[in-house]
Amino acid sequence: MIHSKSPIAVIDIGTNTFNLLIKDASTGKLLLNTKIPVKLGQGGLREDKIADDAFVRGIQALQAHRETALSYGVKEVYAFATSAVRSTSNGKAFAEKAKEMAGISINVIDGLKEAEFIVKGVGQAIPLASETALIMDIGGGSTEFIISKNGQTEWMESYLLGASRIIEMLRVVDPLSQSDLSRLHQLFTNALTTLRRQLEKSQIKTLIGSSGSFDTMYDLIAHQTHTPLLGTQKTVDFSIEALLAMTEKLKALPLAERLALPGMLPMRADMMPISAVFIEYILSIHPFETVKLSTYSLKEGVFETLLNEDHTWQVSLL
């Protein structure tokens, strides 16, 4: 547990973005929630390595997050790395360089620990005790699925199906061709056998999309339908019809036109067609009645764990 009276920082070292969360350790008050687009997996995941330019971007982002944390009076930083670091041949070298150049000690977690943190984060946004839900978190390097029933995690799995990894693996064109769409469908069908088996024997009614691509999908739909933007809300409901309609648009538009869409984050524009097709596929294999968004995910789950549980995670003392 954390006993510090100073603000605490959590850094989520993702495959696409490096997220920084700063909270008051005593009150839990949010002080800062920001991110830097890094694209750590770009140009290297096909060879299971972090490319040289991405390596440099990652170290620079950690240095920037360190300076930001210091400006908020942070004394303790907990950094967690996911798919791009744990699955690459030079991920260990990246962690060593992060310690040397940015003073940040990185905890490299596996996919199941990542899923555990995600469900703890989602549980702060959505009362899972009253839900029977499939939680889906689309990352850059991996995608996590968790089945939660009445507040209990029944099953979880992490798949090497992140949006950036898929782009690298399949080398899709822009916009997606019919051949690309067929290959994506086949990839999901082949890889997600265990998920489909779980869904077949479950009475799940709700799909919960965790942060990231789902945040962007909601803002894109809100701009198009002239409904309120996401703002500071922790959770909102999707219209399934609007979600599928936006999927069709993202599949058809080239990058330049996607970038022009109101609500599109430039850092996500290249990956959103893949994420959209992935969401469409999940909606096609099970009769979900409701789709919700949780704006809370891994970093919020990490902070909850640090506050309330004994742990042995590495801390960076600034």
Protein backbone atom coordinates (compact mmCIF):
# COMPACT_ATOMS: atom_id res chain seq x y z
CA MET A 1 0.00 0.00 0.00
CA ILE A 2 1.01 3.62 -0.56
CA HIS A 3 1.60 5.70 2.56
CA SER A 4 3.05 8.76 0.86
CA LYS A 5 1.41 12.15 1.42
CA SER A 6 2.79 13.48 -1.86
CA PRO A 7 1.08 13.05 -5.25
CA ILE A 8 1.66 9.68 -6.88
CA ALA A 9 2.19 9.10 -10.61
CA VAL A 10 1.38 6.03 -12.67
CA ILE A 11 2.82 5.64 -16.17
CA ASP A 12 1.15 3.17 -18.53
CA ILE A 13 3.75 2.35 -21.19
CA GLY A 14 1.52 1.18 -23.99
CA THR A 15 2.32 0.11 -27.52
CA ASN A 16 0.83 3.31 -28.96
CA THR A 17 0.70 5.85 -26.14
CA PHE A 18 2.50 6.50 -22.88
CA ASN A 19 -0.17 7.55 -20.38
CA LEU A 20 0.50 9.56 -17.23
CA LEU A 21 -1.92 9.64 -14.30
CA ILE A 22 -1.22 11.79 -11.25
CA LYS A 23 -3.42 11.63 -8.17
CA ASP A 24 -3.28 12.91 -4.61
CA ALA A 25 -2.31 9.87 -2.55
CA SER A 26 -4.31 10.99 0.50
CA THR A 27 -7.60 11.95 -1.16
CA GLY A 28 -7.46 10.13 -4.48
CA LYS A 29 -8.19 13.44 -6.22
CA LEU A 30 -7.22 13.48 -9.90
CA LEU A 31 -4.50 16.03 -10.60
CA LEU A 32 -3.53 15.14 -14.16
CA ASN A 33 -4.44 12.61 -16.82
CA THR A 34 -2.40 13.04 -19.99
CA LYS A 35 -0.70 11.03 -22.71
CA ILE A 36 2.07 11.21 -25.28
CA PRO A 37 1.68 9.41 -28.63
CA VAL A 38 4.80 7.26 -29.01
CA LYS A 39 3.87 4.40 -31.37
CA LEU A 40 6.44 2.18 -29.72
CA GLY A 41 5.39 -0.77 -31.86
CA GLN A 42 5.58 1.01 -35.21
CA GLY A 43 7.97 -0.55 -37.70
CA GLY A 44 9.17 -3.34 -35.43
CA LEU A 45 6.43 -5.65 -34.17
CA ARG A 46 6.58 -7.84 -37.25
CA GLU A 47 10.16 -8.71 -36.23
CA ASP A 48 9.33 -8.68 -32.50
CA LYS A 49 11.54 -5.69 -31.78
CA ILE A 50 11.21 -2.03 -30.93
CA ALA A 51 12.47 -0.10 -33.95
CA ASP A 52 15.32 2.35 -33.37
CA ASP A 53 13.27 5.53 -33.91
CA ALA A 54 10.44 4.21 -31.73
CA PHE A 55 12.98 3.32 -29.03
CA VAL A 56 14.19 6.94 -28.97
CA ARG A 57 10.62 8.31 -28.92
CA GLY A 58 9.82 6.10 -25.97
CA ILE A 59 12.77 7.26 -23.87
CA GLN A 60 11.99 10.90 -24.71
CA ALA A 61 8.36 10.42 -23.65
CA LEU A 62 9.45 8.96 -20.30
CA GLN A 63 11.79 11.89 -19.77
CA ALA A 64 8.93 14.28 -20.51
CA HIS A 65 6.57 12.44 -18.14
CA ARG A 66 9.25 12.56 -15.43
CA GLU A 67 9.53 16.35 -15.77
CA THR A 68 5.75 16.71 -15.67
CA ALA A 69 5.53 14.54 -12.56
CA LEU A 70 8.21 16.61 -10.84
CA SER A 71 6.28 19.80 -11.63
CA TYR A 72 3.32 18.35 -9.69
CA GLY A 73 5.43 17.54 -6.64
CA VAL A 74 5.47 13.80 -7.32
CA LYS A 75 8.01 11.81 -5.34
CA GLU A 76 6.97 8.28 -6.39
CA VAL A 77 6.34 7.00 -9.92
CA TYR A 78 5.08 3.52 -10.77
CA ALA A 79 5.64 2.61 -14.42
CA PHE A 80 4.08 -0.43 -16.09
CA ALA A 81 4.91 -1.73 -19.56
CA THR A 82 2.65 -3.95 -21.63
CA SER A 83 2.82 -5.78 -24.95
CA ALA A 84 5.43 -3.81 -26.92
CA VAL A 85 8.03 -4.16 -24.17
CA ARG A 86 7.21 -7.65 -22.91
CA SER A 87 7.05 -9.30 -26.35
CA THR A 88 10.06 -7.77 -28.09
CA SER A 89 13.65 -8.94 -28.22
CA ASN A 90 14.97 -5.53 -27.10
CA GLY A 91 12.24 -4.82 -24.55
CA LYS A 92 14.68 -5.54 -21.70
CA ALA A 93 17.18 -3.12 -23.25
CA PHE A 94 14.43 -0.48 -23.42
CA ALA A 95 13.68 -0.94 -19.72
CA GLU A 96 17.39 -0.63 -18.88
CA LYS A 97 17.72 2.54 -20.96
CA ALA A 98 14.60 4.00 -19.32
CA LYS A 99 16.25 3.59 -15.93
CA GLU A 100 19.53 5.07 -17.16
CA MET A 101 18.19 8.02 -19.18
CA ALA A 102 14.89 8.89 -17.48
CA GLY A 103 15.31 7.49 -13.98
CA ILE A 104 12.20 5.35 -14.47
CA SER A 105 12.12 1.74 -13.26
CA ILE A 106 9.68 -0.25 -15.39
CA ASN A 107 7.48 -3.09 -14.20
CA VAL A 108 6.93 -5.35 -17.21
CA ILE A 109 3.61 -7.17 -16.77
CA ASP A 110 2.14 -10.13 -18.61
CA GLY A 111 -1.20 -10.10 -20.40
CA LEU A 112 -3.19 -11.60 -17.52
CA LYS A 113 -1.88 -9.06 -15.01
CA GLU A 114 -2.74 -6.38 -17.56
CA ALA A 115 -6.29 -7.79 -17.69
CA GLU A 116 -6.49 -7.76 -13.88
CA PHE A 117 -5.58 -4.09 -13.78
CA ILE A 118 -8.07 -3.32 -16.57
CA VAL A 119 -11.00 -4.89 -14.73
CA LYS A 120 -10.05 -3.01 -11.55
CA GLY A 121 -10.06 0.22 -13.55
CA VAL A 122 -13.35 -0.51 -15.31
CA GLY A 123 -14.91 -1.38 -11.96
CA GLN A 124 -14.36 2.20 -10.80
CA ALA A 125 -16.36 3.54 -13.74
CA ILE A 126 -19.11 0.91 -14.00
CA PRO A 127 -20.67 -0.96 -11.04
CA LEU A 128 -19.71 -4.45 -12.17
CA ALA A 129 -21.58 -6.04 -9.25
CA SER A 130 -24.80 -5.47 -11.21
CA GLU A 131 -23.40 -6.43 -14.62
CA THR A 132 -22.84 -9.62 -16.59
CA ALA A 133 -20.38 -8.31 -19.11
CA LEU A 134 -17.55 -8.93 -21.52
CA ILE A 135 -14.85 -6.28 -21.13
CA MET A 136 -12.76 -5.59 -24.24
CA ASP A 137 -9.58 -3.50 -24.17
CA ILE A 138 -8.01 -2.98 -27.61
CA GLY A 139 -4.37 -2.07 -27.25
CA GLY A 140 -1.66 -1.53 -29.79
CA GLY A 141 0.14 -4.81 -29.15
CA SER A 142 -2.51 -6.96 -27.48
CA THR A 143 -6.22 -7.06 -26.73
CA GLU A 144 -7.58 -8.21 -23.40
CA PHE A 145 -10.98 -9.80 -22.79
CA ILE A 146 -12.51 -10.29 -19.34
CA ILE A 147 -15.84 -11.88 -18.45
CA SER A 148 -17.23 -10.36 -15.26
CA LYS A 149 -20.39 -11.66 -13.57
CA ASN A 150 -21.88 -9.90 -10.56
CA GLY A 151 -18.57 -8.33 -9.67
CA GLN A 152 -16.53 -11.54 -10.01
CA THR A 153 -14.03 -12.18 -12.78
CA GLU A 154 -14.95 -15.54 -14.30
CA TRP A 155 -12.46 -15.64 -17.18
CA MET A 156 -9.81 -13.51 -18.81
CA GLU A 157 -7.40 -13.82 -21.70
CA SER A 158 -4.86 -11.67 -23.49
CA TYR A 159 -4.42 -12.11 -27.24
CA LEU A 160 -1.62 -10.80 -29.47
CA LEU A 161 -4.21 -8.89 -31.47
CA GLY A 162 -3.44 -5.24 -30.84
CA ALA A 163 -4.30 -2.81 -33.63
CA SER A 164 -0.68 -1.83 -34.33
CA ARG A 165 0.46 -5.45 -34.28
CA ILE A 166 -2.28 -6.42 -36.76
CA ILE A 167 -1.27 -3.62 -39.14
CA GLU A 168 2.33 -4.82 -38.96
CA MET A 169 1.39 -8.51 -39.36
CA LEU A 170 -1.07 -8.22 -42.22
CA ARG A 171 0.35 -5.13 -43.92
CA VAL A 172 -3.11 -3.91 -44.80
CA VAL A 173 -3.69 -1.17 -47.36
CA ASP A 174 -5.41 2.15 -46.76
CA PRO A 175 -8.36 2.19 -46.97
CA LEU A 176 -8.94 -1.47 -46.17
CA SER A 177 -9.54 -3.67 -49.21
CA GLN A 178 -12.02 -6.52 -49.39
CA SER A 179 -9.05 -8.86 -49.18
CA ASP A 180 -7.90 -7.12 -45.99
CA LEU A 181 -11.38 -7.43 -44.48
CA SER A 182 -11.46 -11.15 -45.29
CA ARG A 183 -8.02 -11.65 -43.78
CA LEU A 184 -9.00 -9.75 -40.64
CA HIS A 185 -12.13 -11.84 -40.23
CA GLN A 186 -10.12 -15.03 -40.65
CA LEU A 187 -7.48 -13.84 -38.18
CA PHE A 188 -10.10 -13.14 -35.51
CA THR A 189 -11.90 -16.42 -36.20
CA ASN A 190 -8.69 -18.44 -35.88
CA ALA A 191 -7.33 -16.62 -32.84
CA LEU A 192 -10.45 -16.20 -30.70
CA THR A 193 -11.64 -19.81 -30.38
CA THR A 194 -11.42 -19.74 -26.58
CA LEU A 195 -13.37 -16.49 -26.39
CA ARG A 196 -16.15 -17.82 -28.59
CA ARG A 197 -16.43 -20.93 -26.41
CA GLN A 198 -16.79 -18.78 -23.31
CA LEU A 199 -19.47 -16.64 -24.95
CA GLU A 200 -21.42 -19.69 -26.09
CA LYS A 201 -21.89 -20.87 -22.50
CA SER A 202 -22.44 -17.43 -20.97
CA GLN A 203 -25.55 -15.33 -20.61
CA ILE A 204 -23.68 -12.11 -21.27
CA LYS A 205 -25.77 -9.12 -22.28
CA THR A 206 -23.28 -6.24 -22.09
CA LEU A 207 -20.07 -5.44 -23.95
CA ILE A 208 -17.89 -2.91 -22.14
CA GLY A 209 -15.23 -1.19 -24.22
CA SER A 210 -12.32 -0.02 -22.13
CA SER A 211 -10.86 3.39 -23.00
CA GLY A 212 -8.56 3.88 -26.03
CA SER A 213 -10.25 3.12 -29.33
CA PHE A 214 -13.66 3.04 -27.70
CA ASP A 215 -13.15 6.62 -26.43
CA THR A 216 -12.43 7.73 -29.97
CA MET A 217 -15.38 5.79 -31.39
CA TYR A 218 -17.69 7.54 -28.95
CA ASP A 219 -16.39 11.01 -29.79
CA LEU A 220 -16.63 10.33 -33.54
CA ILE A 221 -20.25 9.23 -33.15
CA ALA A 222 -21.08 12.16 -30.85
CA HIS A 223 -19.81 14.68 -33.40
CA GLN A 224 -21.74 12.98 -36.18
CA THR A 225 -25.00 12.71 -34.23
CA HIS A 226 -24.66 16.11 -32.51
CA THR A 227 -24.84 14.55 -29.06
CA PRO A 228 -22.74 15.56 -26.02
CA LEU A 229 -19.05 14.71 -26.19
CA LEU A 230 -17.38 12.43 -23.70
CA GLY A 231 -16.01 15.14 -21.44
CA THR A 232 -15.26 13.96 -17.90
CA GLN A 233 -17.83 11.16 -17.81
CA LYS A 234 -16.61 7.80 -16.55
CA THR A 235 -19.11 5.78 -18.58
CA VAL A 236 -21.64 6.24 -21.36
CA ASP A 237 -23.80 3.92 -23.46
CA PHE A 238 -23.26 3.36 -27.17
CA SER A 239 -26.00 3.07 -29.73
CA ILE A 240 -25.13 -0.25 -31.38
CA GLU A 241 -26.61 0.99 -34.67
CA ALA A 242 -24.47 4.15 -34.57
CA LEU A 243 -21.42 2.09 -33.62
CA LEU A 244 -21.84 -0.19 -36.64
CA ALA A 245 -22.52 2.76 -38.93
CA MET A 246 -19.28 4.42 -37.81
CA THR A 247 -17.48 1.15 -38.40
CA GLU A 248 -18.63 1.16 -42.03
CA LYS A 249 -17.40 4.72 -42.46
CA LEU A 250 -13.98 4.02 -40.94
CA LYS A 251 -13.51 0.97 -43.13
CA ALA A 252 -14.16 3.00 -46.29
CA LEU A 253 -12.33 6.28 -45.65
CA PRO A 254 -8.63 6.80 -46.46
CA LEU A 255 -6.34 8.20 -43.78
CA ALA A 256 -6.55 11.83 -44.90
CA GLU A 257 -10.34 11.78 -44.66
CA ARG A 258 -10.29 9.96 -41.32
CA LEU A 259 -8.00 12.67 -39.95
CA ALA A 260 -10.56 15.26 -41.01
CA LEU A 261 -13.39 13.60 -39.07
CA PRO A 262 -14.49 15.70 -36.06
CA GLY A 263 -13.48 13.82 -32.93
CA MET A 264 -10.64 11.86 -34.50
CA LEU A 265 -7.40 11.87 -32.51
CA PRO A 266 -4.47 12.00 -34.94
CA MET A 267 -2.60 9.40 -32.87
CA ARG A 268 -5.42 6.88 -33.46
CA ALA A 269 -6.36 7.64 -37.07
CA ASP A 270 -4.20 4.92 -38.62
CA MET A 271 -5.47 2.21 -36.24
CA MET A 272 -9.18 3.03 -36.01
CA PRO A 273 -10.28 0.95 -39.04
CA ILE A 274 -8.66 -2.14 -37.46
CA SER A 275 -10.27 -1.40 -34.10
CA ALA A 276 -13.62 -0.80 -35.78
CA VAL A 277 -13.51 -4.12 -37.64
CA PHE A 278 -12.50 -5.87 -34.40
CA ILE A 279 -15.48 -4.38 -32.55
CA GLU A 280 -17.77 -5.28 -35.44
CA TYR A 281 -16.52 -8.87 -35.31
CA ILE A 282 -17.18 -9.19 -31.57
CA LEU A 283 -20.70 -7.82 -32.02
CA SER A 284 -21.28 -10.40 -34.77
CA ILE A 285 -20.42 -13.47 -32.67
CA HIS A 286 -22.68 -12.81 -29.69
CA PRO A 287 -26.09 -11.13 -29.26
CA PHE A 288 -25.09 -8.25 -26.98
CA GLU A 289 -28.00 -6.07 -25.91
CA THR A 290 -25.95 -3.15 -24.59
CA VAL A 291 -22.55 -1.63 -25.33
CA LYS A 292 -20.96 0.63 -22.72
CA LEU A 293 -17.79 2.67 -22.60
CA SER A 294 -15.53 2.80 -19.56
CA THR A 295 -13.09 5.70 -19.73
CA TYR A 296 -11.16 4.04 -16.91
CA SER A 297 -8.73 1.27 -17.69
CA LEU A 298 -5.29 -0.03 -16.75
CA LYS A 299 -3.74 3.03 -15.10
CA GLU A 300 -6.79 3.61 -12.88
CA GLY A 301 -6.69 -0.07 -11.93
CA VAL A 302 -3.01 0.21 -11.06
CA PHE A 303 -3.65 3.20 -8.82
CA GLU A 304 -6.48 1.40 -7.02
CA THR A 305 -4.18 -1.57 -6.41
CA LEU A 306 -1.35 0.61 -5.12
CA LEU A 307 -3.66 2.33 -2.64
CA ASN A 308 -5.44 -0.72 -1.29
CA GLU A 309 -3.19 -3.77 -1.61
CA ASP A 310 0.25 -4.80 -0.42
CA HIS A 311 2.61 -5.02 -3.37
CA THR A 312 6.22 -5.40 -4.42
CA TRP A 313 6.12 -3.27 -7.60
CA GLN A 314 9.25 -1.27 -8.42
CA VAL A 315 8.93 2.41 -7.62
CA SER A 316 10.94 5.26 -9.14
CA LEU A 317 11.85 7.81 -6.49
CA LEU A 318 12.18 11.28 -8.00
